[in-house]
Amino acid sequence: MNQIRFRYRKIITHHNTGNWDRMAWEDSFNEFKMQFQRFNTQKKHHTYGTLLAENPQAAQLHFLVGGSVLGYLQQLNGIIPDIVNNLGLRFMPAADCQFEIINSDVRDINKHEVAFNFYSEPFLWHATIGSSLLVSLINKEKETIGNYDTHLFSIRPYVSIDKLNDTF
């Protein structure tokens, strides 16, 4: 069996309609507008991309704006959103999350695009069944030889797999 970790990049734009997505998107835009001023002292820029091209220090905006959405991450109770098993249940615990500004324009909230990059806890990959993966969470306290709580799920867009050991 292979030890793996999943990465999920949740992109949020003005097209997202879920309550959690909308609230995180709006709050991150409001914080972006405030923090943007720190790096745009000459008021020459309106977009994150043009500011970053001239001022590499503006890369700090990922971290500075990310603080405004920490409360939204807590609402997820440590589970990665949108990823469900074949029973329709969210099952993938998050080990880490990084916030990213894809692009934004302080003049237009509809141009604000952000991403949450979630990293899962380690899993064992038992098998591939058709287009689905059979995995189990690595839980040293609960696990006994041959007993696993398994999850069957299909990889969705923006999910990737990281290898954690050399058994491939």
Protein backbone atom coordinates (compact mmCIF):
# COMPACT_ATOMS: atom_id res chain seq x y z
CA MET A 1 0.00 0.00 0.00
CA ASN A 2 1.16 3.51 -0.77
CA GLN A 3 1.07 6.45 1.57
CA ILE A 4 -0.31 9.53 -0.15
CA ARG A 5 -1.60 12.98 0.63
CA PHE A 6 -4.19 14.90 -1.37
CA ARG A 7 -4.06 18.53 -2.38
CA TYR A 8 -7.22 20.40 -3.27
CA ARG A 9 -7.22 23.90 -4.73
CA LYS A 10 -10.59 25.53 -4.09
CA ILE A 11 -10.91 28.55 -6.37
CA ILE A 12 -13.44 31.21 -5.43
CA THR A 13 -14.62 33.91 -7.84
CA HIS A 14 -17.78 35.97 -8.28
CA HIS A 15 -19.36 32.86 -9.86
CA ASN A 16 -19.40 30.89 -6.59
CA THR A 17 -22.82 30.81 -4.95
CA GLY A 18 -22.33 28.89 -1.70
CA ASN A 19 -22.67 30.89 1.52
CA TRP A 20 -19.23 29.91 2.82
CA ASP A 21 -17.60 30.75 -0.51
CA ARG A 22 -19.35 34.11 -0.81
CA MET A 23 -18.55 35.22 2.73
CA ALA A 24 -14.87 34.24 2.47
CA TRP A 25 -14.64 35.90 -0.96
CA GLU A 26 -16.25 39.17 0.16
CA ASP A 27 -14.24 39.43 3.38
CA SER A 28 -10.99 38.65 1.59
CA PHE A 29 -11.76 41.38 -0.97
CA ASN A 30 -12.43 43.96 1.74
CA GLU A 31 -9.17 43.04 3.49
CA PHE A 32 -7.35 43.06 0.15
CA LYS A 33 -8.46 46.63 -0.52
CA MET A 34 -7.18 47.76 2.88
CA GLN A 35 -3.86 45.90 2.71
CA PHE A 36 -3.29 46.86 -0.95
CA GLN A 37 -2.76 50.48 0.12
CA ARG A 38 0.35 49.51 2.12
CA PHE A 39 2.15 48.46 -1.05
CA ASN A 40 0.60 50.98 -3.46
CA THR A 41 1.73 54.17 -1.72
CA GLN A 42 2.00 56.09 -4.99
CA LYS A 43 -1.52 54.98 -5.99
CA LYS A 44 -0.36 53.89 -9.47
CA HIS A 45 -1.87 50.41 -9.47
CA HIS A 46 -5.34 48.92 -9.29
CA THR A 47 -4.65 45.20 -9.76
CA TYR A 48 -2.70 42.70 -7.73
CA GLY A 49 -0.77 41.53 -10.81
CA THR A 50 0.50 44.98 -11.80
CA LEU A 51 1.40 45.85 -8.22
CA LEU A 52 3.29 42.59 -7.73
CA ALA A 53 5.22 43.09 -10.99
CA GLU A 54 6.58 46.39 -9.69
CA ASN A 55 6.75 45.61 -5.98
CA PRO A 56 7.73 42.01 -5.10
CA GLN A 57 7.00 42.81 -1.43
CA ALA A 58 3.31 42.74 -2.39
CA ALA A 59 3.57 38.93 -2.29
CA GLN A 60 2.97 39.42 1.46
CA LEU A 61 -0.67 40.12 0.58
CA HIS A 62 -1.36 36.37 0.46
CA PHE A 63 -0.50 36.12 4.15
CA LEU A 64 -1.94 39.48 5.19
CA VAL A 65 -5.30 38.93 3.49
CA GLY A 66 -5.36 35.26 4.51
CA GLY A 67 -5.71 36.30 8.14
CA SER A 68 -9.14 37.72 7.36
CA VAL A 69 -10.49 34.29 6.40
CA LEU A 70 -9.08 32.15 9.23
CA GLY A 71 -12.48 32.07 10.93
CA TYR A 72 -14.02 30.58 7.82
CA LEU A 73 -11.49 27.75 7.89
CA GLN A 74 -12.50 26.98 11.48
CA GLN A 75 -16.11 26.60 10.31
CA LEU A 76 -15.00 23.61 8.21
CA ASN A 77 -14.15 21.68 11.41
CA GLY A 78 -10.88 20.43 9.96
CA ILE A 79 -12.50 18.74 6.95
CA ILE A 80 -11.64 19.70 3.36
CA PRO A 81 -14.75 21.08 1.60
CA ASP A 82 -16.25 19.75 -1.62
CA ILE A 83 -14.49 16.35 -1.50
CA VAL A 84 -16.99 13.57 -0.80
CA ASN A 85 -16.84 9.79 -0.83
CA ASN A 86 -19.25 7.54 -2.74
CA LEU A 87 -21.75 7.93 0.12
CA GLY A 88 -21.78 11.71 -0.34
CA LEU A 89 -19.95 12.34 2.94
CA ARG A 90 -17.09 14.77 3.46
CA PHE A 91 -14.30 12.62 4.87
CA MET A 92 -10.92 14.19 4.14
CA PRO A 93 -9.23 15.85 7.13
CA ALA A 94 -7.13 18.92 6.40
CA ALA A 95 -3.60 19.02 7.76
CA ASP A 96 -2.87 22.47 6.37
CA CYS A 97 -4.34 25.23 4.24
CA GLN A 98 -2.71 28.12 2.39
CA PHE A 99 -4.60 31.14 1.10
CA GLU A 100 -3.70 32.56 -2.30
CA ILE A 101 -4.72 35.68 -4.19
CA ILE A 102 -4.99 34.71 -7.84
CA ASN A 103 -5.81 38.21 -8.99
CA SER A 104 -7.86 41.17 -7.90
CA ASP A 105 -8.72 44.73 -8.80
CA VAL A 106 -9.48 47.19 -6.00
CA ARG A 107 -12.02 48.92 -8.26
CA ASP A 108 -14.15 45.84 -8.99
CA ILE A 109 -15.00 43.01 -6.59
CA ASN A 110 -16.08 40.85 -9.57
CA LYS A 111 -12.42 40.62 -10.63
CA HIS A 112 -11.40 39.26 -7.21
CA GLU A 113 -10.21 35.64 -7.46
CA VAL A 114 -8.72 33.68 -4.58
CA ALA A 115 -7.84 30.08 -3.78
CA PHE A 116 -7.63 27.94 -0.70
CA ASN A 117 -4.96 25.27 -1.10
CA PHE A 118 -5.86 22.39 1.22
CA TYR A 119 -3.44 19.59 2.12
CA SER A 120 -4.92 16.40 3.57
CA GLU A 121 -3.74 14.21 6.38
CA PRO A 122 -1.88 11.09 5.10
CA PHE A 123 -3.89 8.26 3.57
CA LEU A 124 -3.19 4.71 2.52
CA TRP A 125 -4.07 4.05 -1.11
CA HIS A 126 -5.44 0.51 -1.24
CA ALA A 127 -6.66 0.21 -4.84
CA THR A 128 -8.02 1.92 -7.90
CA ILE A 129 -11.49 0.66 -8.81
CA GLY A 130 -12.58 1.96 -12.17
CA SER A 131 -12.18 5.71 -11.92
CA SER A 132 -12.34 5.73 -8.10
CA LEU A 133 -9.71 5.40 -5.39
CA LEU A 134 -10.10 3.21 -2.33
CA VAL A 135 -8.26 4.93 0.53
CA SER A 136 -8.13 4.94 4.31
CA LEU A 137 -6.91 7.56 6.70
CA ILE A 138 -3.67 6.64 8.43
CA ASN A 139 -4.63 6.55 12.09
CA LYS A 140 -1.94 4.86 14.16
CA GLU A 141 -4.07 4.78 17.33
CA LYS A 142 -7.08 3.04 15.75
CA GLU A 143 -5.48 0.95 13.04
CA THR A 144 -4.81 -2.74 13.46
CA ILE A 145 -3.39 -5.00 10.79
CA GLY A 146 -6.04 -5.59 8.16
CA ASN A 147 -8.70 -3.28 9.67
CA TYR A 148 -9.28 0.02 7.91
CA ASP A 149 -12.11 2.51 7.65
CA THR A 150 -12.09 2.94 3.87
CA HIS A 151 -13.49 5.56 1.55
CA LEU A 152 -14.19 5.13 -2.14
CA PHE A 153 -14.20 8.39 -4.08
CA SER A 154 -13.58 9.84 -7.51
CA ILE A 155 -10.90 12.45 -8.05
CA ARG A 156 -12.51 15.76 -8.95
CA PRO A 157 -10.94 18.71 -10.76
CA TYR A 158 -8.27 20.60 -8.80
CA VAL A 159 -7.32 17.55 -6.70
CA SER A 160 -3.83 16.10 -6.96
CA ILE A 161 -1.93 13.36 -5.16
CA ASP A 162 1.42 13.69 -3.40
CA LYS A 163 3.49 10.57 -2.78
CA LEU A 164 4.65 10.25 0.85
CA ASN A 165 6.94 7.24 0.53
CA ASP A 166 8.94 5.35 -2.06
CA THR A 167 6.61 2.39 -2.60
CA PHE A 168 5.36 3.41 -6.06
